C-alpha atoms as a PDB file:
ATOM      1  CA  MET A   1      64.582 110.764  98.527  1.00  0.00           C
ATOM      2  CA  GLU A   2      63.714 107.576 100.473  1.00  0.00           C
ATOM      3  CA  SER A   3      66.470 105.149 100.442  1.00  0.00           C
ATOM      4  CA  GLY A   4      69.491 106.356  98.270  1.00  0.00           C
ATOM      5  CA  PHE A   5      71.509 104.666  95.716  1.00  0.00           C
ATOM      6  CA  ASP A   6      74.105 102.365  95.309  1.00  0.00           C
ATOM      7  CA  PHE A   7      77.822 103.831  94.491  1.00  0.00           C
ATOM      8  CA  TYR A   8      80.773 101.765  93.860  1.00  0.00           C
ATOM      9  CA  LEU A   9      84.257 103.739  94.594  1.00  0.00           C
ATOM     10  CA  TYR A  10      87.553 102.860  95.849  1.00  0.00           C
ATOM     11  CA  GLU A  11      86.736  99.169  95.676  1.00  0.00           C
ATOM     12  CA  THR A  12      83.777  99.407  98.116  1.00  0.00           C
ATOM     13  CA  LEU A  13      79.932  99.709  97.587  1.00  0.00           C
ATOM     14  CA  PHE A  14      78.587 102.247  99.399  1.00  0.00           C
ATOM     15  CA  LYS A  15      74.916 101.728 100.027  1.00  0.00           C
ATOM     16  CA  ASN A  16      71.991 104.247 100.558  1.00  0.00           C
ATOM     17  CA  CYS A  17      74.018 107.248  99.227  1.00  0.00           C
ATOM     18  CA  PHE A  18      72.891 110.951  98.812  1.00  0.00           C
ATOM     19  CA  ILE A  19      74.304 113.984  97.618  1.00  0.00           C
ATOM     20  CA  GLN A  20      74.787 116.807 100.021  1.00  0.00           C
ATOM     21  CA  CYS A  21      74.412 120.272  98.245  1.00  0.00           C
ATOM     22  CA  SER A  22      76.172 123.320  99.844  1.00  0.00           C
ATOM     23  CA  SER A  23      78.163 126.193  98.353  1.00  0.00           C
ATOM     24  CA  TYR A  24      81.761 127.026  98.264  1.00  0.00           C
ATOM     25  CA  THR A  25      82.952 130.404  99.722  1.00  0.00           C
ATOM     26  CA  ASN A  26      82.916 131.924  96.144  1.00  0.00           C
ATOM     27  CA  GLY A  27      79.227 131.047  95.954  1.00  0.00           C
ATOM     28  CA  LYS A  28      79.600 128.103  93.352  1.00  0.00           C
ATOM     29  CA  LEU A  29      77.668 125.005  93.976  1.00  0.00           C
ATOM     30  CA  GLN A  30      79.477 122.203  96.013  1.00  0.00           C
ATOM     31  CA  LEU A  31      78.298 118.441  95.829  1.00  0.00           C
ATOM     32  CA  SER A  32      79.506 115.710  97.850  1.00  0.00           C
ATOM     33  CA  LEU A  33      78.479 111.867  98.111  1.00  0.00           C
ATOM     34  CA  TYR A  34      77.495 110.132 101.351  1.00  0.00           C
ATOM     35  CA  GLY A  35      76.549 106.685 102.089  1.00  0.00           C
ATOM     36  CA  LEU A  36      76.883 103.533 104.161  1.00  0.00           C
ATOM     37  CA  ASP A  37      80.453 102.620 104.668  1.00  0.00           C
ATOM     38  CA  PRO A  38      80.440  98.859 105.053  1.00  0.00           C
ATOM     39  CA  ASN A  39      84.036  98.980 106.588  1.00  0.00           C
ATOM     40  CA  VAL A  40      82.563 100.933 109.573  1.00  0.00           C
ATOM     41  CA  ASN A  41      78.743 100.378 109.220  1.00  0.00           C
ATOM     42  CA  GLN A  42      78.166 104.160 109.529  1.00  0.00           C
ATOM     43  CA  ILE A  43      77.201 106.843 106.953  1.00  0.00           C
ATOM     44  CA  SER A  44      80.164 108.671 105.703  1.00  0.00           C
ATOM     45  CA  HIS A  45      81.514 111.295 103.480  1.00  0.00           C
ATOM     46  CA  PHE A  46      83.240 109.284 100.598  1.00  0.00           C
ATOM     47  CA  ALA A  47      83.811 111.602  97.637  1.00  0.00           C
ATOM     48  CA  ASP A  48      83.651 115.376  96.548  1.00  0.00           C
ATOM     49  CA  ILE A  49      81.715 115.613  93.152  1.00  0.00           C
ATOM     50  CA  THR A  50      82.512 119.154  92.420  1.00  0.00           C
ATOM     51  CA  LEU A  51      86.353 120.783  92.720  1.00  0.00           C
ATOM     52  CA  GLU A  52      86.113 124.430  93.962  1.00  0.00           C
ATOM     53  CA  GLN A  53      88.198 126.601  91.468  1.00  0.00           C
ATOM     54  CA  ASP A  54      88.222 130.083  90.280  1.00  0.00           C
ATOM     55  CA  THR A  55      89.890 130.021  86.740  1.00  0.00           C
ATOM     56  CA  VAL A  56      87.018 129.000  84.496  1.00  0.00           C
ATOM     57  CA  ARG A  57      83.785 130.965  84.288  1.00  0.00           C
ATOM     58  CA  LEU A  58      81.154 128.467  84.635  1.00  0.00           C
ATOM     59  CA  LYS A  59      77.620 128.674  83.147  1.00  0.00           C
ATOM     60  CA  GLU A  60      74.615 128.190  85.045  1.00  0.00           C
ATOM     61  CA  TYR A  61      74.313 124.432  86.002  1.00  0.00           C
ATOM     62  CA  GLU A  62      77.714 123.526  85.129  1.00  0.00           C
ATOM     63  CA  ILE A  63      80.201 122.157  87.460  1.00  0.00           C
ATOM     64  CA  VAL A  64      83.891 121.131  87.273  1.00  0.00           C
ATOM     65  CA  VAL A  65      83.983 117.473  88.332  1.00  0.00           C
ATOM     66  CA  ASP A  66      86.660 116.241  90.565  1.00  0.00           C
ATOM     67  CA  ASN A  67      87.206 112.828  88.874  1.00  0.00           C
ATOM     68  CA  ARG A  68      91.128 112.678  89.956  1.00  0.00           C
ATOM     69  CA  PHE A  69      91.909 109.050  91.127  1.00  0.00           C
ATOM     70  CA  LYS A  70      88.220 107.960  90.516  1.00  0.00           C
ATOM     71  CA  PRO A  71      87.944 106.245  87.009  1.00  0.00           C
ATOM     72  CA  THR A  72      84.587 104.725  87.882  1.00  0.00           C
ATOM     73  CA  PHE A  73      82.898 108.309  88.915  1.00  0.00           C
ATOM     74  CA  ILE A  74      81.726 109.763  85.921  1.00  0.00           C
ATOM     75  CA  PRO A  75      80.058 106.710  84.306  1.00  0.00           C
ATOM     76  CA  GLN A  76      78.103 106.292  87.656  1.00  0.00           C
ATOM     77  CA  LEU A  77      76.863 109.739  87.960  1.00  0.00           C
ATOM     78  CA  LYS A  78      75.794 109.814  84.199  1.00  0.00           C
ATOM     79  CA  ASP A  79      73.976 106.580  84.613  1.00  0.00           C
ATOM     80  CA  LEU A  80      72.275 108.344  87.613  1.00  0.00           C
ATOM     81  CA  GLY A  81      71.479 111.345  85.313  1.00  0.00           C
ATOM     82  CA  ILE A  82      73.254 113.718  87.333  1.00  0.00           C
ATOM     83  CA  LEU A  83      75.850 114.532  84.867  1.00  0.00           C
ATOM     84  CA  LYS A  84      74.354 115.454  81.413  1.00  0.00           C
ATOM     85  CA  GLU A  85      76.911 116.171  79.109  1.00  0.00           C
ATOM     86  CA  GLN A  86      80.767 117.227  79.004  1.00  0.00           C
ATOM     87  CA  THR A  87      81.145 120.874  77.885  1.00  0.00           C
ATOM     88  CA  GLY A  88      84.510 121.460  78.415  1.00  0.00           C
ATOM     89  CA  MET A  89      88.111 120.940  80.242  1.00  0.00           C
ATOM     90  CA  CYS A  90      89.664 123.125  82.768  1.00  0.00           C
ATOM     91  CA  ILE A  91      93.318 123.067  84.542  1.00  0.00           C
ATOM     92  CA  VAL A  92      93.580 123.238  88.292  1.00  0.00           C
ATOM     93  CA  ASN A  93      96.895 122.702  89.942  1.00  0.00           C
ATOM     94  CA  ASP A  94      98.539 121.180  86.862  1.00  0.00           C
ATOM     95  CA  ALA A  95      95.665 118.666  86.340  1.00  0.00           C
ATOM     96  CA  PHE A  96      92.930 118.304  83.836  1.00  0.00           C
ATOM     97  CA  TYR A  97      89.300 118.139  84.992  1.00  0.00           C
ATOM     98  CA  PRO A  98      85.960 118.037  82.849  1.00  0.00           C
ATOM     99  CA  ILE A  99      83.280 120.565  83.312  1.00  0.00           C
ATOM    100  CA  TYR A 100      79.745 118.966  82.952  1.00  0.00           C
ATOM    101  CA  SER A 101      76.181 120.273  82.711  1.00  0.00           C
ATOM    102  CA  ILE A 102      74.000 118.841  85.389  1.00  0.00           C
ATOM    103  CA  ASP A 103      70.421 117.888  85.663  1.00  0.00           C
ATOM    104  CA  LEU A 104      69.271 119.960  88.773  1.00  0.00           C
ATOM    105  CA  SER A 105      66.046 117.766  89.165  1.00  0.00           C
ATOM    106  CA  LYS A 106      67.989 114.691  89.462  1.00  0.00           C
ATOM    107  CA  ILE A 107      70.478 116.295  91.956  1.00  0.00           C
ATOM    108  CA  LYS A 108      67.416 117.333  94.179  1.00  0.00           C
ATOM    109  CA  GLU A 109      65.878 113.821  93.827  1.00  0.00           C
ATOM    110  CA  ASN A 110      69.102 112.328  95.465  1.00  0.00           C
ATOM    111  CA  CYS A 111      69.848 114.994  97.772  1.00  0.00           C
ATOM    112  CA  TYR A 112      69.834 115.834 101.567  1.00  0.00           C
ATOM    113  CA  TYR A 113      70.124 119.272 102.744  1.00  0.00           C
ATOM    114  CA  LEU A 114      71.894 120.031 106.028  1.00  0.00           C
ATOM    115  CA  GLU A 115      68.539 121.009 107.588  1.00  0.00           C
ATOM    116  CA  GLU A 116      67.010 117.524 106.849  1.00  0.00           C
ATOM    117  CA  LEU A 117      70.209 115.555 108.282  1.00  0.00           C
ATOM    118  CA  ILE A 118      69.790 117.573 111.284  1.00  0.00           C
ATOM    119  CA  ALA A 119      66.309 116.844 111.649  1.00  0.00           C
ATOM    120  CA  ALA A 120      66.929 113.149 111.364  1.00  0.00           C
END
C-alpha cells in the first residue's frame, strides 16, 4: 500500500488511512483503522473494525464488525471491498452486531503490519 485511502467517520475526514492487522488473545483476527487526523495532524487510531467476542463460532474469513455508533462505517468498508456480504448477526453485551465475510486480498492491499510501521 502506497498512499492509503480516505475514510469519513465522526464528522472527520481521515486521510492516508490503513488497516492494522493483529489478533486478539483468543487468536481471532483483529482489524483497526489508522489515518491522518486533521485535528492533530498526526497518524492516529480512530476505529476498530472488528469486535472481540467468544459467543459465536465464526467461519474462516468472517468477522464481527464493531459498527456501534458508526452509521457510515459498513458502507465505506464495503466500498473499499473489505466487507463482502453479511452472513449473520450476533449479540455482544446486549447489542446486535453484524457478521461479515471479508476479502483478505483487499485487507492485505490496505494493511500495514506492525513490523512495517516500526521500520518506517
